[in-house]
């Protein structure tokens, strides 16, 4: 079942990119960075393929991906900063989160948040959700913005380049991201439990 959901999300990502080009990449990456797990791997790899066949420009694809990541991350940060903590405190018990957990997470995030935001921008699954705890912990917004921007660049360049180099075989690499994504997701669930 989980696999078929991922397949459907991948199809949506490809259709968005194929139909709207740069705007599709931008919109897809906004969605991906807004805690909705639309696979950035499919978006950017397919964008790289479109560069390989001469339909798009490499650096504009990368820029659309980075700007989409940045836009979605900022929206999610502000959601977390403006009401995320209150929502967690009110409804967190339904997912086994209590006030003590929220306070521990905030202390941890205040101590290590800067580098966490930077490094997790290059990890499947976690990269999608890291902006929410940054907002809840009210990480300094300027630092958040800079670390997010700089952290998104390697991910988007690497995926676009892979899609470009693989050309029509771009889809061969995408399944290799899934086990990593599933493992990270399982670790997050296990950690939450």
N, C-alpha and C. Protein backbone atom coordinates (compact mmCIF):
# COMPACT_ATOMS: atom_id res chain seq x y z
N UNK A 1 0.82 -1.19 0.00
CA UNK A 1 0.00 0.00 0.00
C UNK A 1 0.87 1.26 0.00
N UNK A 2 1.87 1.30 0.90
CA UNK A 2 2.75 2.46 0.98
C UNK A 2 3.47 2.68 -0.34
N UNK A 3 3.88 1.57 -0.96
CA UNK A 3 4.58 1.66 -2.25
C UNK A 3 3.68 2.28 -3.32
N UNK A 4 2.39 1.89 -3.34
CA UNK A 4 1.48 2.44 -4.35
C UNK A 4 1.22 3.92 -4.13
N UNK A 5 1.22 4.35 -2.88
CA UNK A 5 1.08 5.79 -2.57
C UNK A 5 2.28 6.55 -3.12
N UNK A 6 3.48 6.00 -2.90
CA UNK A 6 4.70 6.64 -3.41
C UNK A 6 4.66 6.69 -4.93
N UNK A 7 4.19 5.62 -5.57
CA UNK A 7 4.08 5.60 -7.03
C UNK A 7 3.13 6.70 -7.53
N UNK A 8 2.01 6.88 -6.84
CA UNK A 8 1.05 7.91 -7.24
C UNK A 8 1.64 9.31 -7.06
N UNK A 9 2.34 9.52 -5.95
CA UNK A 9 2.97 10.82 -5.70
C UNK A 9 4.05 11.10 -6.75
N UNK A 10 4.79 10.07 -7.11
CA UNK A 10 5.81 10.22 -8.15
C UNK A 10 5.17 10.60 -9.48
N UNK A 11 4.07 9.96 -9.81
CA UNK A 11 3.35 10.28 -11.05
C UNK A 11 2.89 11.74 -11.04
N UNK A 12 2.36 12.20 -9.91
CA UNK A 12 1.93 13.60 -9.79
C UNK A 12 3.11 14.55 -10.01
N UNK A 13 4.24 14.22 -9.38
CA UNK A 13 5.43 15.07 -9.50
C UNK A 13 5.90 15.17 -10.95
N UNK A 14 5.92 14.04 -11.64
CA UNK A 14 6.37 14.03 -13.03
C UNK A 14 5.39 14.79 -13.92
N UNK A 15 4.11 14.57 -13.72
CA UNK A 15 3.09 15.26 -14.52
C UNK A 15 3.18 16.77 -14.32
N UNK A 16 3.36 17.19 -13.08
CA UNK A 16 3.48 18.61 -12.78
C UNK A 16 4.67 19.23 -13.52
N UNK A 17 5.80 18.55 -13.47
CA UNK A 17 7.01 19.04 -14.13
C UNK A 17 6.86 19.01 -15.65
N UNK A 18 6.32 17.92 -16.18
CA UNK A 18 6.16 17.78 -17.62
C UNK A 18 5.18 18.81 -18.18
N UNK A 19 4.13 19.10 -17.43
CA UNK A 19 3.09 20.01 -17.90
C UNK A 19 3.49 21.48 -17.77
N UNK A 20 4.09 21.84 -16.64
CA UNK A 20 4.35 23.25 -16.35
C UNK A 20 5.82 23.65 -16.42
N UNK A 21 6.70 22.72 -16.69
CA UNK A 21 8.12 23.04 -16.82
C UNK A 21 8.70 23.63 -15.55
N UNK A 22 9.35 24.78 -15.67
CA UNK A 22 9.98 25.43 -14.52
C UNK A 22 8.97 25.70 -13.41
N UNK A 23 7.78 26.17 -13.80
CA UNK A 23 6.74 26.46 -12.80
C UNK A 23 6.30 25.18 -12.10
N UNK A 24 6.26 24.08 -12.83
CA UNK A 24 5.91 22.79 -12.22
C UNK A 24 6.94 22.36 -11.20
N UNK A 25 8.22 22.57 -11.53
CA UNK A 25 9.30 22.26 -10.59
C UNK A 25 9.16 23.14 -9.35
N UNK A 26 8.96 24.43 -9.56
CA UNK A 26 8.80 25.37 -8.45
C UNK A 26 7.62 24.99 -7.55
N UNK A 27 6.48 24.73 -8.16
CA UNK A 27 5.28 24.37 -7.38
C UNK A 27 5.48 23.03 -6.68
N UNK A 28 6.04 22.05 -7.39
CA UNK A 28 6.29 20.74 -6.79
C UNK A 28 7.21 20.82 -5.59
N UNK A 29 8.24 21.65 -5.69
CA UNK A 29 9.18 21.78 -4.58
C UNK A 29 8.59 22.58 -3.42
N UNK A 30 7.66 23.49 -3.70
CA UNK A 30 6.94 24.16 -2.62
C UNK A 30 6.13 23.12 -1.86
N UNK A 31 5.41 22.29 -2.60
CA UNK A 31 4.59 21.24 -1.97
C UNK A 31 5.47 20.31 -1.14
N UNK A 32 6.58 19.87 -1.73
CA UNK A 32 7.50 18.96 -1.03
C UNK A 32 8.06 19.56 0.25
N UNK A 33 8.30 20.85 0.25
CA UNK A 33 8.88 21.50 1.43
C UNK A 33 7.83 21.97 2.43
N UNK A 34 6.57 21.71 2.13
CA UNK A 34 5.48 22.12 3.02
C UNK A 34 4.91 20.93 3.78
N UNK A 35 5.75 19.96 4.07
CA UNK A 35 5.38 18.76 4.83
C UNK A 35 4.40 17.86 4.09
N UNK A 36 4.37 17.97 2.77
CA UNK A 36 3.57 17.06 1.95
C UNK A 36 4.59 16.27 1.13
N UNK A 37 4.69 14.98 1.38
CA UNK A 37 5.81 14.21 0.81
C UNK A 37 5.72 13.93 -0.69
N UNK A 38 5.70 14.97 -1.49
CA UNK A 38 5.82 14.82 -2.93
C UNK A 38 7.31 14.62 -3.20
N UNK A 39 7.70 13.53 -3.85
CA UNK A 39 9.13 13.20 -3.92
C UNK A 39 9.96 14.18 -4.77
N UNK A 40 10.81 14.92 -4.10
CA UNK A 40 11.70 15.84 -4.80
C UNK A 40 12.64 15.08 -5.71
N UNK A 41 12.91 13.83 -5.37
CA UNK A 41 13.79 13.03 -6.22
C UNK A 41 13.20 12.92 -7.62
N UNK A 42 11.91 12.62 -7.70
CA UNK A 42 11.26 12.50 -9.02
C UNK A 42 11.21 13.85 -9.73
N UNK A 43 10.89 14.90 -8.99
CA UNK A 43 10.78 16.23 -9.60
C UNK A 43 12.10 16.65 -10.23
N UNK A 44 13.16 16.60 -9.45
CA UNK A 44 14.44 17.11 -9.93
C UNK A 44 15.13 16.16 -10.91
N UNK A 45 15.00 14.84 -10.71
CA UNK A 45 15.56 13.91 -11.68
C UNK A 45 14.89 14.08 -13.04
N UNK A 46 13.56 14.20 -13.02
CA UNK A 46 12.84 14.40 -14.27
C UNK A 46 13.19 15.76 -14.88
N UNK A 47 13.38 16.77 -14.04
CA UNK A 47 13.83 18.08 -14.54
C UNK A 47 15.17 17.95 -15.24
N UNK A 48 16.08 17.15 -14.66
CA UNK A 48 17.38 16.90 -15.29
C UNK A 48 17.24 16.19 -16.63
N UNK A 49 16.31 15.25 -16.70
CA UNK A 49 16.03 14.58 -17.97
C UNK A 49 15.54 15.58 -19.01
N UNK A 50 14.67 16.50 -18.60
CA UNK A 50 14.16 17.50 -19.53
C UNK A 50 15.27 18.42 -20.02
N UNK A 51 16.29 18.63 -19.19
CA UNK A 51 17.47 19.37 -19.63
C UNK A 51 18.22 18.55 -20.68
N UNK A 52 18.37 17.25 -20.42
CA UNK A 52 19.11 16.37 -21.34
C UNK A 52 18.49 16.33 -22.73
N UNK A 53 17.17 16.44 -22.81
CA UNK A 53 16.53 16.40 -24.13
C UNK A 53 16.33 17.79 -24.72
N UNK A 54 16.88 18.80 -24.05
CA UNK A 54 16.88 20.14 -24.60
C UNK A 54 15.62 20.97 -24.36
N UNK A 55 14.75 20.52 -23.47
CA UNK A 55 13.51 21.27 -23.21
C UNK A 55 13.67 22.34 -22.13
N UNK A 56 14.61 22.15 -21.22
CA UNK A 56 14.81 23.10 -20.13
C UNK A 56 16.30 23.41 -19.97
N UNK A 57 16.60 24.46 -19.23
CA UNK A 57 17.97 24.89 -18.93
C UNK A 57 18.37 24.37 -17.55
N UNK A 58 19.56 23.80 -17.45
CA UNK A 58 20.04 23.19 -16.21
C UNK A 58 19.93 24.15 -15.02
N UNK A 59 20.50 25.34 -15.15
CA UNK A 59 20.57 26.24 -14.00
C UNK A 59 19.22 26.83 -13.62
N UNK A 60 18.33 26.95 -14.59
CA UNK A 60 16.98 27.43 -14.26
C UNK A 60 16.20 26.33 -13.55
N UNK A 61 16.42 25.07 -13.93
CA UNK A 61 15.80 23.94 -13.21
C UNK A 61 16.27 23.94 -11.76
N UNK A 62 17.58 24.07 -11.55
CA UNK A 62 18.12 24.10 -10.19
C UNK A 62 17.54 25.29 -9.42
N UNK A 63 17.52 26.46 -10.04
CA UNK A 63 16.99 27.65 -9.37
C UNK A 63 15.51 27.47 -9.01
N UNK A 64 14.72 26.89 -9.92
CA UNK A 64 13.30 26.65 -9.62
C UNK A 64 13.15 25.71 -8.44
N UNK A 65 14.00 24.68 -8.39
CA UNK A 65 13.96 23.74 -7.26
C UNK A 65 14.34 24.40 -5.95
N UNK A 66 15.42 25.16 -5.97
CA UNK A 66 15.88 25.84 -4.75
C UNK A 66 14.85 26.86 -4.28
N UNK A 67 14.33 27.67 -5.20
CA UNK A 67 13.34 28.69 -4.82
C UNK A 67 12.05 28.04 -4.31
N UNK A 68 11.66 26.91 -4.92
CA UNK A 68 10.49 26.18 -4.43
C UNK A 68 10.72 25.64 -3.03
N UNK A 69 11.91 25.05 -2.81
CA UNK A 69 12.26 24.58 -1.46
C UNK A 69 12.21 25.71 -0.46
N UNK A 70 12.79 26.82 -0.82
CA UNK A 70 12.86 27.97 0.07
C UNK A 70 11.46 28.50 0.39
N UNK A 71 10.61 28.64 -0.63
CA UNK A 71 9.26 29.15 -0.42
C UNK A 71 8.45 28.22 0.49
N UNK A 72 8.46 26.93 0.18
CA UNK A 72 7.72 25.97 1.00
C UNK A 72 8.24 25.89 2.42
N UNK A 73 9.55 25.97 2.57
CA UNK A 73 10.17 25.91 3.90
C UNK A 73 9.80 27.13 4.74
N UNK A 74 9.80 28.31 4.11
CA UNK A 74 9.43 29.53 4.84
C UNK A 74 7.97 29.47 5.27
N UNK A 75 7.09 29.01 4.38
CA UNK A 75 5.67 28.88 4.74
C UNK A 75 5.50 27.92 5.93
N UNK A 76 6.20 26.80 5.88
CA UNK A 76 6.10 25.82 6.96
C UNK A 76 6.71 26.35 8.25
N UNK A 77 7.82 27.05 8.14
CA UNK A 77 8.43 27.68 9.32
C UNK A 77 7.43 28.62 9.99
N UNK A 78 6.79 29.48 9.22
CA UNK A 78 5.85 30.45 9.79
C UNK A 78 4.62 29.77 10.36
N UNK A 79 4.21 28.67 9.75
CA UNK A 79 3.10 27.90 10.32
C UNK A 79 3.51 27.37 11.69
N UNK A 80 4.71 26.80 11.78
CA UNK A 80 5.21 26.29 13.05
C UNK A 80 5.38 27.39 14.09
N UNK A 81 5.91 28.53 13.66
CA UNK A 81 6.16 29.64 14.59
C UNK A 81 4.86 30.29 15.07
N UNK A 82 3.85 30.31 14.21
CA UNK A 82 2.63 31.03 14.58
C UNK A 82 1.60 30.18 15.32
N UNK A 83 1.68 28.87 15.24
CA UNK A 83 0.68 28.09 15.97
C UNK A 83 1.01 26.63 16.13
N UNK A 84 2.15 26.22 15.63
CA UNK A 84 2.53 24.81 15.69
C UNK A 84 2.69 24.28 17.10
N UNK A 85 3.28 25.05 17.97
CA UNK A 85 3.48 24.61 19.35
C UNK A 85 2.14 24.39 20.04
N UNK A 86 1.22 25.34 19.87
CA UNK A 86 -0.10 25.22 20.49
C UNK A 86 -0.84 23.98 19.96
N UNK A 87 -0.73 23.72 18.65
CA UNK A 87 -1.36 22.53 18.09
C UNK A 87 -0.77 21.25 18.67
N UNK A 88 0.57 21.21 18.79
CA UNK A 88 1.21 20.04 19.37
C UNK A 88 0.79 19.82 20.81
N UNK A 89 0.72 20.91 21.57
CA UNK A 89 0.33 20.77 22.96
C UNK A 89 -1.13 20.33 23.09
N UNK A 90 -1.97 20.79 22.19
CA UNK A 90 -3.39 20.45 22.25
C UNK A 90 -3.69 19.04 21.72
N UNK A 91 -3.09 18.70 20.58
CA UNK A 91 -3.43 17.43 19.92
C UNK A 91 -2.29 16.41 19.92
N UNK A 92 -1.15 16.76 20.45
CA UNK A 92 0.01 15.87 20.42
C UNK A 92 -0.21 14.55 21.12
N UNK A 93 -1.06 14.54 22.11
CA UNK A 93 -1.29 13.29 22.86
C UNK A 93 -1.83 12.18 21.95
N UNK A 94 -2.47 12.56 20.84
CA UNK A 94 -3.01 11.56 19.92
C UNK A 94 -1.91 10.86 19.13
N UNK A 95 -0.73 11.46 19.08
CA UNK A 95 0.42 10.83 18.44
C UNK A 95 1.56 10.66 19.44
N UNK A 96 1.18 10.53 20.70
CA UNK A 96 2.10 10.24 21.82
C UNK A 96 3.14 11.34 22.06
N UNK A 97 2.76 12.60 21.85
CA UNK A 97 3.64 13.73 22.13
C UNK A 97 3.00 14.54 23.25
N UNK A 98 3.81 14.82 24.30
CA UNK A 98 3.30 15.64 25.40
C UNK A 98 4.16 16.89 25.56
N UNK A 99 3.80 17.72 26.52
CA UNK A 99 4.51 19.00 26.71
C UNK A 99 6.00 18.79 26.99
N UNK A 100 6.33 17.75 27.74
CA UNK A 100 7.73 17.48 28.04
C UNK A 100 8.51 17.16 26.77
N UNK A 101 7.90 16.39 25.87
CA UNK A 101 8.55 16.08 24.59
C UNK A 101 8.79 17.35 23.77
N UNK A 102 7.80 18.22 23.75
CA UNK A 102 7.92 19.47 23.00
C UNK A 102 9.05 20.32 23.57
N UNK A 103 9.13 20.43 24.89
CA UNK A 103 10.18 21.23 25.53
C UNK A 103 11.55 20.64 25.28
N UNK A 104 11.68 19.31 25.35
CA UNK A 104 12.97 18.66 25.06
C UNK A 104 13.39 18.94 23.62
N UNK A 105 12.44 18.80 22.71
CA UNK A 105 12.73 19.05 21.30
C UNK A 105 13.16 20.49 21.08
N UNK A 106 12.50 21.42 21.74
CA UNK A 106 12.87 22.84 21.59
C UNK A 106 14.27 23.10 22.12
N UNK A 107 14.60 22.52 23.27
CA UNK A 107 15.95 22.70 23.83
C UNK A 107 17.00 22.12 22.88
N UNK A 108 16.72 20.91 22.37
CA UNK A 108 17.65 20.29 21.45
C UNK A 108 17.80 21.14 20.20
N UNK A 109 16.67 21.60 19.67
CA UNK A 109 16.69 22.37 18.44
C UNK A 109 17.41 23.70 18.64
N UNK A 110 17.22 24.33 19.79
CA UNK A 110 17.91 25.59 20.06
C UNK A 110 19.42 25.39 20.13
N UNK A 111 19.83 24.21 20.54
CA UNK A 111 21.25 23.94 20.66
C UNK A 111 21.88 23.53 19.32
N UNK A 112 21.20 22.68 18.55
CA UNK A 112 21.78 22.11 17.34
C UNK A 112 21.01 22.47 16.06
N UNK A 113 20.01 23.32 16.17
CA UNK A 113 19.10 23.58 15.05
C UNK A 113 19.73 24.13 13.80
N UNK A 114 20.70 25.03 13.94
CA UNK A 114 21.31 25.64 12.76
C UNK A 114 21.87 24.59 11.81
N UNK A 115 22.72 23.74 12.34
CA UNK A 115 23.37 22.73 11.51
C UNK A 115 22.39 21.64 11.11
N UNK A 116 21.41 21.37 11.95
CA UNK A 116 20.39 20.38 11.61
C UNK A 116 19.64 20.81 10.37
N UNK A 117 19.22 22.07 10.32
CA UNK A 117 18.52 22.58 9.15
C UNK A 117 19.39 22.44 7.91
N UNK A 118 20.65 22.81 8.02
CA UNK A 118 21.55 22.74 6.87
C UNK A 118 21.72 21.30 6.38
N UNK A 119 22.10 20.39 7.27
CA UNK A 119 22.42 19.03 6.85
C UNK A 119 21.20 18.22 6.42
N UNK A 120 20.07 18.43 7.08
CA UNK A 120 18.91 17.63 6.73
C UNK A 120 18.29 18.03 5.40
N UNK A 121 18.69 19.14 4.85
CA UNK A 121 18.21 19.52 3.51
C UNK A 121 18.68 18.55 2.45
N UNK A 122 19.63 17.68 2.81
CA UNK A 122 20.17 16.71 1.86
C UNK A 122 19.82 15.28 2.24
N UNK A 123 18.80 15.11 3.08
CA UNK A 123 18.34 13.77 3.46
C UNK A 123 16.89 13.56 3.04
N UNK A 124 16.62 12.46 2.34
CA UNK A 124 15.22 12.19 2.00
C UNK A 124 14.35 12.14 3.25
N UNK A 125 13.10 12.42 3.13
CA UNK A 125 12.06 12.41 4.17
C UNK A 125 12.26 13.53 5.18
N UNK A 126 13.38 13.54 5.90
CA UNK A 126 13.60 14.55 6.95
C UNK A 126 13.57 15.95 6.36
N UNK A 127 14.13 16.11 5.17
CA UNK A 127 14.21 17.43 4.53
C UNK A 127 12.83 18.03 4.35
N UNK A 128 11.82 17.17 4.17
CA UNK A 128 10.45 17.63 3.96
C UNK A 128 9.86 18.25 5.22
N UNK A 129 10.29 17.76 6.39
CA UNK A 129 9.62 18.13 7.63
C UNK A 129 10.41 19.06 8.56
N UNK A 130 11.67 19.32 8.29
CA UNK A 130 12.54 20.02 9.24
C UNK A 130 12.12 21.47 9.50
N UNK A 131 11.43 22.10 8.59
CA UNK A 131 11.04 23.50 8.77
C UNK A 131 10.01 23.67 9.88
N UNK A 132 9.15 22.68 10.07
CA UNK A 132 8.12 22.78 11.11
C UNK A 132 8.73 22.86 12.50
N UNK A 133 9.62 21.95 12.89
CA UNK A 133 10.23 22.10 14.22
C UNK A 133 11.10 23.36 14.34
N UNK A 134 11.69 23.80 13.23
CA UNK A 134 12.47 25.04 13.27
C UNK A 134 11.56 26.21 13.63
N UNK A 135 10.37 26.23 13.06
CA UNK A 135 9.40 27.28 13.37
C UNK A 135 8.87 27.16 14.78
N UNK A 136 8.54 25.94 15.19
CA UNK A 136 8.02 25.73 16.54
C UNK A 136 9.05 26.17 17.57
N UNK A 137 10.33 25.86 17.32
CA UNK A 137 11.40 26.26 18.24
C UNK A 137 11.76 27.73 18.08
N UNK A 138 11.14 28.40 17.10
CA UNK A 138 11.39 29.80 16.81
C UNK A 138 12.89 30.08 16.59
N UNK A 139 13.47 29.21 15.77
CA UNK A 139 14.85 29.42 15.35
C UNK A 139 14.94 30.81 14.73
N UNK A 140 16.05 31.48 14.92
CA UNK A 140 16.27 32.79 14.32
C UNK A 140 15.96 32.69 12.82
N UNK A 141 15.03 33.52 12.36
CA UNK A 141 14.55 33.39 10.98
C UNK A 141 15.64 33.64 9.95
N UNK A 142 16.49 34.62 10.17
CA UNK A 142 17.56 34.91 9.20
C UNK A 142 18.47 33.70 9.08
N UNK A 143 18.85 33.08 10.21
CA UNK A 143 19.69 31.88 10.16
C UNK A 143 18.95 30.75 9.45
N UNK A 144 17.68 30.57 9.80
CA UNK A 144 16.89 29.53 9.15
C UNK A 144 16.89 29.72 7.64
N UNK A 145 16.65 30.94 7.20
CA UNK A 145 16.59 31.25 5.78
C UNK A 145 17.92 30.94 5.10
N UNK A 146 19.01 31.38 5.69
CA UNK A 146 20.34 31.17 5.09
C UNK A 146 20.70 29.69 5.05
N UNK A 147 20.52 28.99 6.18
CA UNK A 147 20.86 27.56 6.22
C UNK A 147 19.97 26.75 5.28
N UNK A 148 18.72 27.14 5.15
CA UNK A 148 17.82 26.46 4.22
C UNK A 148 18.26 26.69 2.78
N UNK A 149 18.54 27.93 2.44
CA UNK A 149 18.97 28.26 1.09
C UNK A 149 20.25 27.51 0.72
N UNK A 150 21.25 27.61 1.57
CA UNK A 150 22.54 26.98 1.29
C UNK A 150 22.42 25.45 1.32
N UNK A 151 21.58 24.93 2.20
CA UNK A 151 21.40 23.48 2.29
C UNK A 151 20.66 22.87 1.11
N UNK A 152 19.77 23.64 0.48
CA UNK A 152 18.99 23.13 -0.65
C UNK A 152 19.79 23.04 -1.94
N UNK A 153 20.80 23.85 -2.06
CA UNK A 153 21.54 23.93 -3.32
C UNK A 153 22.21 22.61 -3.71
N UNK A 154 22.96 21.95 -2.83
CA UNK A 154 23.61 20.69 -3.25
C UNK A 154 22.61 19.60 -3.67
N UNK A 155 21.51 19.48 -2.93
CA UNK A 155 20.49 18.47 -3.23
C UNK A 155 19.92 18.69 -4.63
N UNK A 156 19.55 19.92 -4.92
CA UNK A 156 18.93 20.21 -6.21
C UNK A 156 19.92 20.09 -7.37
N UNK A 157 21.15 20.52 -7.16
CA UNK A 157 22.16 20.37 -8.21
C UNK A 157 22.42 18.88 -8.47
N UNK A 158 22.60 18.11 -7.40
CA UNK A 158 22.93 16.69 -7.55
C UNK A 158 21.82 15.93 -8.27
N UNK A 159 20.58 16.15 -7.88
CA UNK A 159 19.48 15.42 -8.52
C UNK A 159 19.29 15.85 -9.98
N UNK A 160 19.40 17.14 -10.23
CA UNK A 160 19.27 17.62 -11.61
C UNK A 160 20.40 17.05 -12.47
N UNK A 161 21.61 17.04 -11.94
CA UNK A 161 22.76 16.51 -12.67
C UNK A 161 22.58 15.01 -12.96
N UNK A 162 22.12 14.25 -11.94
CA UNK A 162 21.89 12.82 -12.15
C UNK A 162 20.85 12.60 -13.25
N UNK A 163 19.75 13.35 -13.18
CA UNK A 163 18.72 13.23 -14.21
C UNK A 163 19.26 13.59 -15.59
N UNK A 164 20.10 14.60 -15.64
CA UNK A 164 20.72 15.03 -16.90
C UNK A 164 21.63 13.93 -17.44
N UNK A 165 22.50 13.39 -16.61
CA UNK A 165 23.46 12.38 -17.05
C UNK A 165 22.78 11.07 -17.44
N UNK A 166 21.72 10.71 -16.73
CA UNK A 166 21.02 9.46 -17.04
C UNK A 166 20.08 9.60 -18.23
N UNK A 167 19.71 10.84 -18.56
CA UNK A 167 18.84 11.07 -19.71
C UNK A 167 17.54 10.30 -19.61
N UNK A 168 17.22 9.56 -20.68
CA UNK A 168 15.95 8.83 -20.70
C UNK A 168 15.89 7.73 -19.64
N UNK A 169 17.01 7.40 -19.05
CA UNK A 169 17.06 6.38 -17.99
C UNK A 169 17.03 7.00 -16.59
N UNK A 170 16.59 8.26 -16.49
CA UNK A 170 16.58 8.98 -15.21
C UNK A 170 15.82 8.20 -14.14
N UNK A 171 14.80 7.47 -14.54
CA UNK A 171 13.95 6.77 -13.57
C UNK A 171 14.65 5.57 -12.93
N UNK A 172 15.78 5.14 -13.48
CA UNK A 172 16.51 4.02 -12.90
C UNK A 172 17.01 4.33 -11.50
N UNK A 173 17.41 5.56 -11.26
CA UNK A 173 18.01 5.91 -9.97
C UNK A 173 16.96 6.18 -8.89
N UNK A 174 15.79 6.64 -9.30
CA UNK A 174 14.77 7.05 -8.33
C UNK A 174 14.40 5.92 -7.37
N UNK A 175 14.24 4.66 -7.81
CA UNK A 175 13.92 3.59 -6.86
C UNK A 175 14.99 3.36 -5.79
N UNK A 176 16.25 3.75 -6.06
CA UNK A 176 17.31 3.57 -5.07
C UNK A 176 17.15 4.52 -3.89
N UNK A 177 16.43 5.62 -4.11
CA UNK A 177 16.16 6.54 -3.01
C UNK A 177 15.09 5.98 -2.07
N UNK A 178 14.22 5.13 -2.59
CA UNK A 178 13.10 4.64 -1.79
C UNK A 178 13.53 3.87 -0.55
N UNK A 179 14.46 2.89 -0.66
CA UNK A 179 14.85 2.18 0.57
C UNK A 179 15.42 3.14 1.62
N UNK A 180 16.19 4.13 1.18
CA UNK A 180 16.73 5.12 2.11
C UNK A 180 15.59 5.91 2.74
N UNK A 181 14.64 6.32 1.92
CA UNK A 181 13.48 7.07 2.42
C UNK A 181 12.68 6.23 3.39
N UNK A 182 12.44 4.97 3.04
CA UNK A 182 11.68 4.09 3.91
C UNK A 182 12.41 3.86 5.23
N UNK A 183 13.72 3.68 5.17
CA UNK A 183 14.50 3.46 6.38
C UNK A 183 14.46 4.69 7.29
N UNK A 184 14.60 5.87 6.71
CA UNK A 184 14.54 7.09 7.51
C UNK A 184 13.15 7.27 8.10
N UNK A 185 12.12 7.00 7.31
CA UNK A 185 10.74 7.10 7.80
C UNK A 185 10.50 6.13 8.94
N UNK A 186 10.97 4.88 8.80
CA UNK A 186 10.82 3.89 9.85
C UNK A 186 11.56 4.32 11.12
N UNK A 187 12.76 4.86 10.96
CA UNK A 187 13.52 5.34 12.13
C UNK A 187 12.79 6.49 12.82
N UNK A 188 12.21 7.39 12.03
CA UNK A 188 11.45 8.51 12.63
C UNK A 188 10.24 7.99 13.40
N UNK A 189 9.53 7.04 12.82
CA UNK A 189 8.36 6.46 13.49
C UNK A 189 8.78 5.75 14.75
N UNK A 190 9.83 4.95 14.66
CA UNK A 190 10.34 4.23 15.84
C UNK A 190 10.78 5.21 16.91
N UNK A 191 11.45 6.29 16.51
CA UNK A 191 11.87 7.30 17.47
C UNK A 191 10.69 7.98 18.14
N UNK A 192 9.65 8.24 17.36
CA UNK A 192 8.46 8.88 17.91
C UNK A 192 7.78 7.95 18.92
N UNK A 193 7.72 6.65 18.58
CA UNK A 193 7.10 5.69 19.49
C UNK A 193 7.95 5.54 20.73
